Amino acid sequence: MTKADKHIAAMLVQKHQLDESENQINQLDAALAALQSHQSNNNDELDSMLANMEAILQNCGIAFNDADDNVISREVANYVDINNDTTETHLPRLTTIETLNFNQDMSWDAYSDSIQDYATQHHIDLSADPFKTLMSPLQRIELEKRIKEEFTLKTANCDKYDYMIAGTCGVIGGLIDVFFVGLPGEGKLTNLTDSAVDGTVEKFAGACGWEGAREGSDSTQSAIGFLERNFKVNYDHRHGGDVDGLFKMSTKNHHIKSLAHSPDLVGLFFSILGQFTNTAHFVSDGKIISVDTETAELQGGNFIAKIFSGFVNWLGHLFSDVAGSSGATGRGSGIPIPFYSLLQFINVGEFGQHRQTFATIAVKVFEKGYDFRHGLAMAIPVLVTELMTRITWVIKQHAYHKKPWTECIPTANNPELRRMLLVSHGSLCLIDAGDAALRSGGDMVQFLLRTNILGWARFGTLAIKELNAWYNSGHIDSEAVDEYLEKEYRKLLILDGK
């Protein structure tokens, strides 16, 4: 048997022992009831005999006295002999329950062998369905009902108001995207996020020991310079000459060309790899190019400490680049949006007058300011659409459907809410695509510059979930089951902590 089979076998054997215990308890109750009935009958007969005895004694004129010696007459003795017949009582015989061979020092394998022996002796089918064997019919019905209601993928049953609400939320988000995001560095939200990033860089530098800018100098540039000096990395090549002309690269695109500059798991991996192996990894023409670099000694006395040191260097260097370099004029070249660097591997197609591939177009879009700061601005209309859809769904569930607040939690497992989110983000993307198409004039670079890639990414994930729910309707939702088990596990941890 496999490990899981052994666990099931143990449960089946324990169920058999519980059933045997219940049977023994029932037999014991029956024996006690029979014994009590027999004792009650004996008491009644004894009371009757005593009453008859007193009547006979009174008729014979015999009175017992503790002080005198009294002799029982033959008539009384004969009466006692006549009524002294005892009846044999038949009570059910009780047997002991057989137990498993178990002790505290027994290993799991030995315990499993003991279970196997017990099952063989008592003819227990260990291959039986544990749910049918371990649960009563009512428990199985309740479990099936709960699984169907809570853990089964269902298609949405939205009404016209749900679609109207979702579409309105998406239109509002799309209008925010069109009028307040716009091109990188030009929209009001982009200017807002640029200022927020500058302030964050200064705070991070201050936490790392930066004492502030000199009088008359730019505080953000000073903070960036401080971070550049304190978080040096071996993969910070700035142009093609730094890599012996292996591929074309400039100060405007070296952050997207270098995989270690990506603020995601891909960037963290290549940063740690490059710092440990003294290499730098770039993307050009859809291929990864590895370049040997100067030796960069990581601090730390062991492997874990060096890993942490590499992570700190990666994070600190990202902060030094997110708002541009210290010597940049104007907005500067930041770091790419998470996972945006992977678009360079889509080295296909022919776009524009110069028949450039999609990977080349993606790099040119980054060069024009489509970086992490602009990504934060694009996230605002997406977040507004998401929050508005969820909030209006909660209000409708409570006010229109009269559900209690506890049943109005906007979880993604709800099919109606999932459909509404798909419609709202789809509306945002339609407005975004229409605006980008009208204003780009057919230029692929301008089209992508005006496209909210985060909105399309969110719409794509929702579309995949909706297709999965539609295709697997009636099947178990593994995510809902995992979420439920995670909650129950946390409850057990809390109870164990108490």
Protein backbone atom coordinates (compact mmCIF):
# COMPACT_ATOMS: atom_id res chain seq x y z
CA MET A 1 0.00 0.00 0.00
CA THR A 2 1.02 3.57 -0.55
CA LYS A 3 1.38 6.04 2.28
CA ALA A 4 -2.09 7.46 1.66
CA ASP A 5 -3.57 3.91 1.64
CA LYS A 6 -2.06 3.20 5.03
CA HIS A 7 -3.72 6.27 6.47
CA ILE A 8 -7.08 5.22 5.04
CA ALA A 9 -6.58 1.68 6.33
CA ALA A 10 -5.95 3.04 9.83
CA MET A 11 -9.19 5.05 9.66
CA LEU A 12 -11.17 2.02 8.44
CA VAL A 13 -9.83 -0.16 11.23
CA GLN A 14 -10.55 2.53 13.81
CA LYS A 15 -14.10 2.77 12.44
CA HIS A 16 -14.48 -0.99 12.86
CA GLN A 17 -13.27 -0.76 16.46
CA LEU A 18 -15.72 2.06 17.16
CA ASP A 19 -18.57 -0.02 15.73
CA GLU A 20 -17.51 -3.01 17.87
CA SER A 21 -17.38 -0.75 20.93
CA GLU A 22 -20.90 0.52 20.24
CA ASN A 23 -22.13 -3.07 19.84
CA GLN A 24 -20.53 -4.05 23.14
CA ILE A 25 -22.09 -1.05 24.85
CA ASN A 26 -25.49 -2.04 23.47
CA GLN A 27 -25.01 -5.61 24.74
CA LEU A 28 -23.95 -4.31 28.12
CA ASP A 29 -27.02 -2.09 28.28
CA ALA A 30 -29.21 -5.09 27.43
CA ALA A 31 -27.52 -7.23 30.10
CA LEU A 32 -27.91 -4.52 32.72
CA ALA A 33 -31.56 -4.06 31.77
CA ALA A 34 -32.19 -7.83 32.08
CA LEU A 35 -30.38 -7.96 35.43
CA GLN A 36 -32.35 -4.98 36.70
CA SER A 37 -35.62 -6.61 35.59
CA HIS A 38 -34.66 -9.88 37.31
CA GLN A 39 -33.74 -8.05 40.50
CA SER A 40 -37.04 -6.17 40.44
CA ASN A 41 -38.94 -9.45 40.05
CA ASN A 42 -37.00 -10.94 42.98
CA ASN A 43 -37.86 -7.94 45.12
CA ASP A 44 -41.54 -8.30 44.26
CA GLU A 45 -41.52 -12.03 45.08
CA LEU A 46 -39.69 -11.37 48.34
CA ASP A 47 -42.21 -8.73 49.35
CA SER A 48 -45.04 -11.18 48.54
CA MET A 49 -43.41 -13.94 50.57
CA LEU A 50 -42.92 -11.66 53.55
CA ALA A 51 -46.56 -10.60 53.43
CA ASN A 52 -47.76 -14.24 53.25
CA MET A 53 -45.39 -15.16 56.07
CA GLU A 54 -46.75 -12.46 58.31
CA ALA A 55 -50.32 -13.60 57.60
CA ILE A 56 -49.49 -17.25 58.44
CA LEU A 57 -47.73 -16.26 61.63
CA GLN A 58 -50.68 -14.20 62.74
CA ASN A 59 -53.10 -17.08 62.03
CA CYS A 60 -50.90 -19.48 64.05
CA GLY A 61 -50.60 -17.03 66.90
CA ILE A 62 -46.85 -16.88 66.63
CA ALA A 63 -45.04 -13.72 67.52
CA PHE A 64 -41.28 -13.36 67.31
CA ASN A 65 -39.52 -11.73 70.18
CA ASP A 66 -35.82 -11.04 70.28
CA ALA A 67 -35.74 -11.94 74.00
CA ASP A 68 -37.47 -15.34 73.69
CA ASP A 69 -36.53 -18.48 71.88
CA ASN A 70 -39.15 -19.15 69.22
CA VAL A 71 -39.67 -22.35 67.33
CA ILE A 72 -40.95 -22.34 63.79
CA SER A 73 -43.78 -24.76 63.28
CA ARG A 74 -43.65 -27.49 60.65
CA GLU A 75 -46.37 -25.76 58.65
CA VAL A 76 -44.25 -22.65 58.32
CA ALA A 77 -41.14 -24.67 57.41
CA ASN A 78 -43.10 -26.59 54.79
CA TYR A 79 -44.38 -23.33 53.33
CA VAL A 80 -40.85 -21.98 53.08
CA ASP A 81 -39.62 -25.16 51.40
CA ILE A 82 -42.47 -25.07 48.92
CA ASN A 83 -41.75 -21.47 47.91
CA ASN A 84 -37.98 -21.83 47.91
CA ASP A 85 -37.81 -22.95 44.29
CA THR A 86 -35.36 -20.73 42.38
CA THR A 87 -35.55 -20.11 38.69
CA GLU A 88 -32.39 -19.99 36.64
CA THR A 89 -31.74 -16.59 35.05
CA HIS A 90 -30.23 -16.49 31.55
CA LEU A 91 -28.22 -13.28 30.94
CA PRO A 92 -26.30 -12.57 27.72
CA ARG A 93 -22.63 -13.41 27.85
CA LEU A 94 -20.28 -10.45 27.34
CA THR A 95 -17.06 -10.79 25.37
CA THR A 96 -14.01 -8.53 25.34
CA ILE A 97 -13.12 -6.33 22.38
CA GLU A 98 -10.05 -7.31 20.43
CA THR A 99 -7.47 -4.52 20.29
CA LEU A 100 -4.61 -3.67 17.99
CA ASN A 101 -1.06 -4.57 18.78
CA PHE A 102 0.11 -1.09 19.73
CA ASN A 103 2.58 0.60 22.05
CA GLN A 104 4.15 4.05 22.27
CA ASP A 105 7.51 2.88 20.91
CA MET A 106 5.97 1.30 17.80
CA SER A 107 6.99 2.73 14.42
CA TRP A 108 4.47 3.71 11.77
CA ASP A 109 5.38 0.69 9.61
CA ALA A 110 4.88 -1.68 12.54
CA TYR A 111 1.56 -0.01 13.34
CA SER A 112 0.51 -0.41 9.69
CA ASP A 113 1.39 -4.11 9.85
CA SER A 114 -0.74 -4.42 12.98
CA ILE A 115 -3.62 -2.75 11.15
CA GLN A 116 -3.23 -5.17 8.25
CA ASP A 117 -3.33 -8.17 10.59
CA TYR A 118 -6.41 -6.86 12.38
CA ALA A 119 -8.16 -6.22 9.07
CA THR A 120 -7.39 -9.74 7.84
CA GLN A 121 -8.72 -11.37 11.03
CA HIS A 122 -11.96 -9.39 10.94
CA HIS A 123 -12.47 -9.47 7.15
CA ILE A 124 -12.29 -5.68 6.73
CA ASP A 125 -12.18 -4.49 3.11
CA LEU A 126 -9.41 -1.90 3.09
CA SER A 127 -10.06 -1.09 -0.58
CA ALA A 128 -13.58 0.17 0.16
CA ASP A 129 -14.53 3.79 -0.48
CA PRO A 130 -13.58 5.53 2.80
CA PHE A 131 -16.31 8.17 2.43
CA LYS A 132 -19.04 5.55 2.14
CA THR A 133 -17.59 3.49 4.97
CA LEU A 134 -16.61 6.20 7.44
CA MET A 135 -19.59 8.51 7.00
CA SER A 136 -23.28 8.00 7.63
CA PRO A 137 -25.80 8.56 4.80
CA LEU A 138 -26.84 11.91 6.30
CA GLN A 139 -23.21 13.00 6.60
CA ARG A 140 -22.53 12.04 2.97
CA ILE A 141 -25.57 13.99 1.78
CA GLU A 142 -24.49 17.04 3.76
CA LEU A 143 -20.92 16.79 2.42
CA GLU A 144 -22.09 16.44 -1.19
CA LYS A 145 -24.39 19.44 -0.74
CA ARG A 146 -21.60 21.57 0.70
CA ILE A 147 -19.14 20.57 -2.04
CA LYS A 148 -21.69 21.42 -4.70
CA GLU A 149 -22.47 24.83 -3.18
CA GLU A 150 -19.02 25.96 -2.05
CA PHE A 151 -16.33 24.02 -3.92
CA THR A 152 -17.75 23.52 -7.41
CA LEU A 153 -17.07 25.69 -10.42
CA LYS A 154 -20.32 27.32 -11.52
CA THR A 155 -21.24 29.57 -14.41
CA ALA A 156 -22.41 33.07 -13.57
CA ASN A 157 -26.08 33.93 -13.30
CA CYS A 158 -25.89 37.71 -13.66
CA ASP A 159 -28.93 39.89 -14.28
CA LYS A 160 -29.10 43.01 -16.43
CA TYR A 161 -28.24 45.25 -13.47
CA ASP A 162 -25.00 43.36 -12.87
CA TYR A 163 -23.90 43.96 -16.45
CA MET A 164 -24.95 47.61 -16.30
CA ILE A 165 -23.01 48.18 -13.08
CA ALA A 166 -19.91 46.38 -14.38
CA GLY A 167 -19.97 48.23 -17.68
CA THR A 168 -20.31 51.59 -15.92
CA CYS A 169 -17.36 50.85 -13.63
CA GLY A 170 -15.25 49.88 -16.63
CA VAL A 171 -16.19 53.04 -18.54
CA ILE A 172 -15.23 55.20 -15.55
CA GLY A 173 -11.87 53.43 -15.31
CA GLY A 174 -11.33 53.78 -19.04
CA LEU A 175 -12.04 57.52 -18.96
CA ILE A 176 -9.56 57.94 -16.11
CA ASP A 177 -7.00 56.06 -18.19
CA VAL A 178 -7.63 58.19 -21.30
CA PHE A 179 -7.69 61.64 -19.70
CA PHE A 180 -5.32 61.27 -16.76
CA VAL A 181 -2.70 58.70 -17.80
CA GLY A 182 -1.96 59.35 -21.46
CA LEU A 183 1.63 59.19 -22.69
CA PRO A 184 4.56 58.58 -20.31
CA GLY A 185 5.63 61.79 -18.61
CA GLU A 186 2.66 63.80 -19.91
CA GLY A 187 -0.41 62.60 -18.00
CA LYS A 188 -1.35 64.03 -14.62
CA LEU A 189 -1.25 60.61 -12.97
CA THR A 190 2.19 59.89 -14.43
CA ASN A 191 3.50 63.17 -13.02
CA LEU A 192 1.95 62.24 -9.69
CA THR A 193 3.60 58.81 -9.63
CA ASP A 194 6.93 60.28 -10.77
CA SER A 195 6.89 62.60 -7.74
CA ALA A 196 5.85 59.72 -5.47
CA VAL A 197 8.73 57.57 -6.72
CA ASP A 198 11.21 60.44 -6.22
CA GLY A 199 10.04 60.81 -2.63
CA THR A 200 10.27 57.06 -2.04
CA VAL A 201 13.85 56.97 -3.36
CA GLU A 202 14.82 59.80 -1.01
CA LYS A 203 13.22 58.01 1.97
CA PHE A 204 14.96 54.74 1.10
CA ALA A 205 18.29 56.54 0.77
CA GLY A 206 17.69 58.23 4.12
CA ALA A 207 17.03 54.85 5.72
CA CYS A 208 20.36 53.65 4.28
CA GLY A 209 22.34 56.56 5.74
CA TRP A 210 21.90 59.40 3.24
CA GLU A 211 22.14 62.70 5.11
CA GLY A 212 20.39 64.83 2.51
CA ALA A 213 21.40 66.96 -0.47
CA ARG A 214 23.80 69.83 -0.38
CA GLU A 215 22.40 73.31 -0.52
CA GLY A 216 21.33 74.22 -4.05
CA SER A 217 21.51 70.67 -5.43
CA ASP A 218 18.65 68.41 -6.46
CA SER A 219 17.65 66.17 -3.55
CA THR A 220 16.49 63.27 -5.73
CA GLN A 221 19.67 63.28 -7.81
CA SER A 222 21.71 63.38 -4.61
CA ALA A 223 19.81 60.40 -3.17
CA ILE A 224 20.27 58.46 -6.42
CA GLY A 225 23.99 59.16 -6.41
CA PHE A 226 24.26 57.95 -2.82
CA LEU A 227 22.48 54.69 -3.68
CA GLU A 228 24.62 54.18 -6.79
CA ARG A 229 27.79 54.44 -4.70
CA ASN A 230 26.57 52.10 -1.96
CA PHE A 231 24.83 49.44 -4.03
CA LYS A 232 27.23 48.69 -6.82
CA VAL A 233 26.63 45.61 -8.95
CA ASN A 234 28.71 43.88 -11.62
CA TYR A 235 25.97 43.86 -14.28
CA ASP A 236 25.44 47.64 -14.63
CA HIS A 237 26.69 47.96 -18.23
CA ARG A 238 25.50 51.16 -19.90
CA HIS A 239 26.18 50.81 -23.65
CA GLY A 240 27.45 48.43 -26.31
CA GLY A 241 31.08 49.35 -25.72
CA ASP A 242 30.88 47.91 -22.16
CA VAL A 243 30.11 44.48 -23.65
CA ASP A 244 32.76 44.60 -26.40
CA GLY A 245 30.15 45.41 -29.06
CA LEU A 246 28.42 42.02 -28.83
CA PHE A 247 25.06 43.72 -29.35
CA LYS A 248 23.58 47.20 -29.58
CA MET A 249 22.77 48.88 -26.28
CA SER A 250 22.51 52.47 -25.05
CA THR A 251 21.89 54.33 -21.81
CA LYS A 252 18.21 54.58 -22.78
CA ASN A 253 17.62 50.84 -22.98
CA HIS A 254 20.31 49.14 -20.87
CA HIS A 255 17.85 48.68 -17.98
CA ILE A 256 15.49 46.62 -20.13
CA LYS A 257 18.31 44.80 -21.92
CA SER A 258 19.77 43.67 -18.60
CA LEU A 259 17.54 40.97 -17.10
CA ALA A 260 18.84 41.66 -13.60
CA HIS A 261 17.27 45.15 -13.71
CA SER A 262 13.76 43.71 -13.90
CA PRO A 263 11.85 44.26 -10.60
CA ASP A 264 10.43 40.74 -10.43
CA LEU A 265 11.49 37.15 -9.78
CA VAL A 266 13.26 37.01 -13.14
CA GLY A 267 15.40 40.01 -12.21
CA LEU A 268 16.13 38.64 -8.73
CA PHE A 269 17.25 35.30 -10.17
CA PHE A 270 19.62 36.77 -12.75
CA SER A 271 20.93 39.31 -10.25
CA ILE A 272 21.87 36.63 -7.69
CA LEU A 273 23.23 34.41 -10.47
CA GLY A 274 25.33 37.22 -11.90
CA GLN A 275 26.74 38.27 -8.52
CA PHE A 276 27.72 34.70 -7.65
CA THR A 277 29.20 33.78 -11.03
CA ASN A 278 30.58 37.24 -11.97
CA THR A 279 28.47 37.38 -15.11
CA ALA A 280 25.82 39.67 -16.59
CA HIS A 281 22.86 38.49 -18.67
CA PHE A 282 21.24 40.52 -21.44
CA VAL A 283 18.56 39.99 -24.08
CA SER A 284 19.18 40.82 -27.71
CA ASP A 285 17.34 39.59 -30.80
CA GLY A 286 15.24 37.29 -28.63
CA LYS A 287 18.26 35.50 -27.14
CA ILE A 288 20.00 35.58 -23.76
CA ILE A 289 23.62 36.73 -23.92
CA SER A 290 25.94 36.08 -20.97
CA VAL A 291 28.93 38.37 -20.44
CA ASP A 292 31.83 37.84 -18.03
CA THR A 293 32.35 40.73 -15.61
CA GLU A 294 34.80 41.84 -12.98
CA THR A 295 34.85 39.92 -9.72
CA ALA A 296 32.35 41.26 -7.18
CA GLU A 297 32.91 39.89 -3.70
CA LEU A 298 29.66 39.39 -1.79
CA GLN A 299 29.68 40.04 1.93
CA GLY A 300 28.76 37.28 4.36
CA GLY A 301 30.45 34.41 6.11
CA ASN A 302 28.24 31.65 4.65
CA PHE A 303 26.04 30.86 1.67
CA ILE A 304 22.81 32.19 3.21
CA ALA A 305 24.49 35.45 4.20
CA LYS A 306 25.85 35.89 0.67
CA ILE A 307 22.37 35.26 -0.79
CA PHE A 308 20.97 37.96 1.48
CA SER A 309 23.77 40.31 0.53
CA GLY A 310 23.02 39.72 -3.15
CA PHE A 311 19.32 40.43 -2.56
CA VAL A 312 20.10 43.68 -0.74
CA ASN A 313 22.41 44.77 -3.57
CA TRP A 314 19.71 44.00 -6.13
CA LEU A 315 17.03 45.90 -4.21
CA GLY A 316 19.23 48.89 -3.45
CA HIS A 317 20.39 49.11 -7.06
CA LEU A 318 16.79 49.03 -8.29
CA PHE A 319 15.99 51.99 -6.05
CA SER A 320 18.97 53.82 -7.51
CA ASP A 321 17.60 53.28 -11.04
CA VAL A 322 13.82 53.51 -10.60
CA ALA A 323 13.85 57.33 -10.83
CA GLY A 324 16.60 57.50 -13.45
CA SER A 325 20.35 57.86 -13.01
CA SER A 326 22.07 60.63 -11.07
CA GLY A 327 23.44 62.19 -14.24
CA ALA A 328 20.25 62.01 -16.30
CA THR A 329 18.60 65.12 -17.67
CA GLY A 330 14.85 65.40 -17.49
CA ARG A 331 12.82 62.35 -16.50
CA GLY A 332 15.62 59.84 -17.06
CA SER A 333 15.42 56.14 -17.90
CA GLY A 334 13.85 54.10 -15.10
CA ILE A 335 13.46 50.36 -14.65
CA PRO A 336 10.95 48.28 -16.65
CA ILE A 337 7.51 47.23 -15.49
CA PRO A 338 7.61 43.77 -13.83
CA PHE A 339 7.95 41.03 -16.47
CA TYR A 340 7.96 43.62 -19.29
CA SER A 341 11.52 42.54 -20.16
CA LEU A 342 10.18 39.15 -21.25
CA LEU A 343 8.51 40.81 -24.24
CA GLN A 344 11.98 40.91 -25.83
CA PHE A 345 11.71 37.15 -26.39
CA ILE A 346 8.74 37.70 -28.74
CA ASN A 347 11.10 38.38 -31.62
CA VAL A 348 8.51 37.90 -34.35
CA GLY A 349 6.50 40.00 -36.80
CA GLU A 350 7.26 43.00 -38.98
CA PHE A 351 5.80 46.30 -37.82
CA GLY A 352 6.10 49.87 -39.05
CA GLN A 353 8.00 51.39 -41.91
CA HIS A 354 11.24 49.64 -40.94
CA ARG A 355 9.66 46.19 -40.51
CA GLN A 356 10.80 45.81 -36.95
CA THR A 357 9.98 42.82 -34.76
CA PHE A 358 7.71 43.06 -31.75
CA ALA A 359 10.75 42.71 -29.43
CA THR A 360 12.38 45.76 -31.03
CA ILE A 361 9.12 47.72 -30.74
CA ALA A 362 8.87 46.83 -27.04
CA VAL A 363 12.39 48.20 -26.44
CA LYS A 364 11.60 51.42 -28.31
CA VAL A 365 8.44 51.87 -26.24
CA PHE A 366 10.53 51.55 -23.06
CA GLU A 367 13.01 54.11 -24.35
CA LYS A 368 10.19 56.66 -24.57
CA GLY A 369 9.36 56.41 -20.85
CA TYR A 370 7.14 53.32 -20.61
CA ASP A 371 8.81 52.29 -17.35
CA PHE A 372 7.92 51.34 -13.78
CA ARG A 373 6.79 54.86 -12.86
CA HIS A 374 4.39 54.95 -15.78
CA GLY A 375 3.24 51.47 -14.77
CA LEU A 376 2.19 52.84 -11.39
CA ALA A 377 0.10 55.48 -13.15
CA MET A 378 -1.52 52.84 -15.36
CA ALA A 379 -2.34 50.75 -12.29
CA ILE A 380 -4.57 53.51 -10.86
CA PRO A 381 -7.49 53.21 -13.33
CA VAL A 382 -7.22 49.42 -13.16
CA LEU A 383 -7.39 49.57 -9.37
CA VAL A 384 -10.29 52.02 -9.45
CA THR A 385 -12.23 49.73 -11.77
CA GLU A 386 -11.53 46.71 -9.57
CA LEU A 387 -12.56 48.43 -6.33
CA MET A 388 -15.67 50.06 -7.78
CA THR A 389 -16.88 46.75 -9.20
CA ARG A 390 -16.37 44.90 -5.94
CA ILE A 391 -17.93 47.64 -3.80
CA THR A 392 -21.02 47.98 -6.00
CA TRP A 393 -21.42 44.19 -6.01
CA VAL A 394 -21.37 44.15 -2.21
CA ILE A 395 -23.94 46.97 -2.01
CA LYS A 396 -26.24 45.24 -4.50
CA GLN A 397 -26.03 41.93 -2.67
CA HIS A 398 -26.97 43.56 0.62
CA ALA A 399 -29.49 46.18 -0.51
CA TYR A 400 -31.15 44.45 -3.48
CA HIS A 401 -30.83 40.75 -2.67
CA LYS A 402 -31.25 41.35 1.11
CA LYS A 403 -28.25 39.21 2.06
CA PRO A 404 -26.47 39.71 5.39
CA TRP A 405 -23.08 41.42 5.30
CA THR A 406 -21.36 38.15 6.19
CA GLU A 407 -22.53 36.69 2.85
CA CYS A 408 -21.45 39.74 0.86
CA ILE A 409 -17.69 39.22 1.03
CA PRO A 410 -16.38 39.96 -2.50
CA THR A 411 -14.27 36.85 -3.06
CA ALA A 412 -13.07 35.94 -6.54
CA ASN A 413 -14.73 32.50 -6.20
CA ASN A 414 -18.17 34.05 -6.60
CA PRO A 415 -19.21 33.41 -10.24
CA GLU A 416 -21.34 36.56 -10.57
CA LEU A 417 -18.59 38.81 -9.24
CA ARG A 418 -16.07 37.09 -11.50
CA ARG A 419 -18.26 37.79 -14.53
CA MET A 420 -18.78 41.42 -13.48
CA LEU A 421 -15.03 41.95 -13.12
CA LEU A 422 -14.52 40.49 -16.58
CA VAL A 423 -17.08 42.88 -18.06
CA SER A 424 -15.76 45.94 -16.22
CA HIS A 425 -12.10 45.35 -17.15
CA GLY A 426 -13.16 44.44 -20.67
CA SER A 427 -14.92 47.80 -20.95
CA LEU A 428 -11.78 49.56 -19.72
CA CYS A 429 -9.66 47.75 -22.30
CA LEU A 430 -12.09 48.56 -25.12
CA ILE A 431 -11.90 52.27 -24.33
CA ASP A 432 -8.13 52.06 -23.92
CA ALA A 433 -7.67 50.25 -27.25
CA GLY A 434 -10.01 52.62 -29.06
CA ASP A 435 -8.20 55.69 -27.74
CA ALA A 436 -4.77 54.21 -28.57
CA ALA A 437 -5.86 53.27 -32.09
CA LEU A 438 -7.32 56.71 -32.83
CA ARG A 439 -4.39 58.70 -31.46
CA SER A 440 -1.54 56.50 -32.74
CA GLY A 441 -2.34 56.96 -36.41
CA GLY A 442 -1.23 53.42 -37.17
CA ASP A 443 2.21 53.82 -35.53
CA MET A 444 2.88 50.67 -33.50
CA VAL A 445 5.16 52.44 -31.02
CA GLN A 446 2.59 55.16 -30.34
CA PHE A 447 -0.15 52.54 -30.04
CA LEU A 448 1.75 50.64 -27.33
CA LEU A 449 2.72 53.87 -25.58
CA ARG A 450 -0.97 54.67 -25.14
CA THR A 451 -1.96 51.10 -24.25
CA ASN A 452 -2.55 50.20 -20.60
CA ILE A 453 -0.70 46.91 -20.46
CA LEU A 454 -1.70 46.33 -16.83
CA GLY A 455 -5.37 46.62 -17.71
CA TRP A 456 -4.97 44.09 -20.51
CA ALA A 457 -3.03 41.75 -18.19
CA ARG A 458 -5.83 41.89 -15.62
CA PHE A 459 -8.46 41.34 -18.29
CA GLY A 460 -6.50 38.37 -19.62
CA THR A 461 -6.31 36.65 -16.23
CA LEU A 462 -10.05 37.17 -15.69
CA ALA A 463 -10.83 35.83 -19.16
CA ILE A 464 -8.79 32.68 -18.48
CA LYS A 465 -10.63 32.14 -15.17
CA GLU A 466 -14.01 32.62 -16.82
CA LEU A 467 -13.17 30.20 -19.64
CA ASN A 468 -11.92 27.67 -17.11
CA ALA A 469 -15.13 28.00 -15.06
CA TRP A 470 -17.27 27.64 -18.19
CA TYR A 471 -15.37 24.63 -19.50
CA ASN A 472 -15.12 22.87 -16.10
CA SER A 473 -18.59 23.80 -14.86
CA GLY A 474 -19.67 21.26 -12.24
CA HIS A 475 -16.11 20.18 -11.43
CA ILE A 476 -14.27 20.79 -8.17
CA ASP A 477 -12.70 24.25 -7.79
CA SER A 478 -9.23 23.41 -6.47
CA GLU A 479 -8.51 27.04 -5.57
CA ALA A 480 -11.63 27.24 -3.38
CA VAL A 481 -10.68 23.98 -1.67
CA ASP A 482 -7.12 25.19 -1.06
CA GLU A 483 -8.43 28.48 0.34
CA TYR A 484 -10.78 26.63 2.70
CA LEU A 485 -8.04 24.24 3.87
CA GLU A 486 -5.70 27.18 4.42
CA LYS A 487 -8.30 28.90 6.65
CA GLU A 488 -8.91 25.73 8.63
CA TYR A 489 -5.17 25.18 9.03
CA ARG A 490 -4.75 28.72 10.38
CA LYS A 491 -7.59 28.13 12.84
CA LEU A 492 -5.83 24.99 14.08
CA LEU A 493 -2.60 26.95 14.51
CA ILE A 494 -4.43 29.61 16.52
CA LEU A 495 -6.08 26.99 18.74
CA ASP A 496 -2.75 25.20 19.16
CA GLY A 497 -1.14 28.50 20.19
CA LYS A 498 -3.72 28.99 22.90
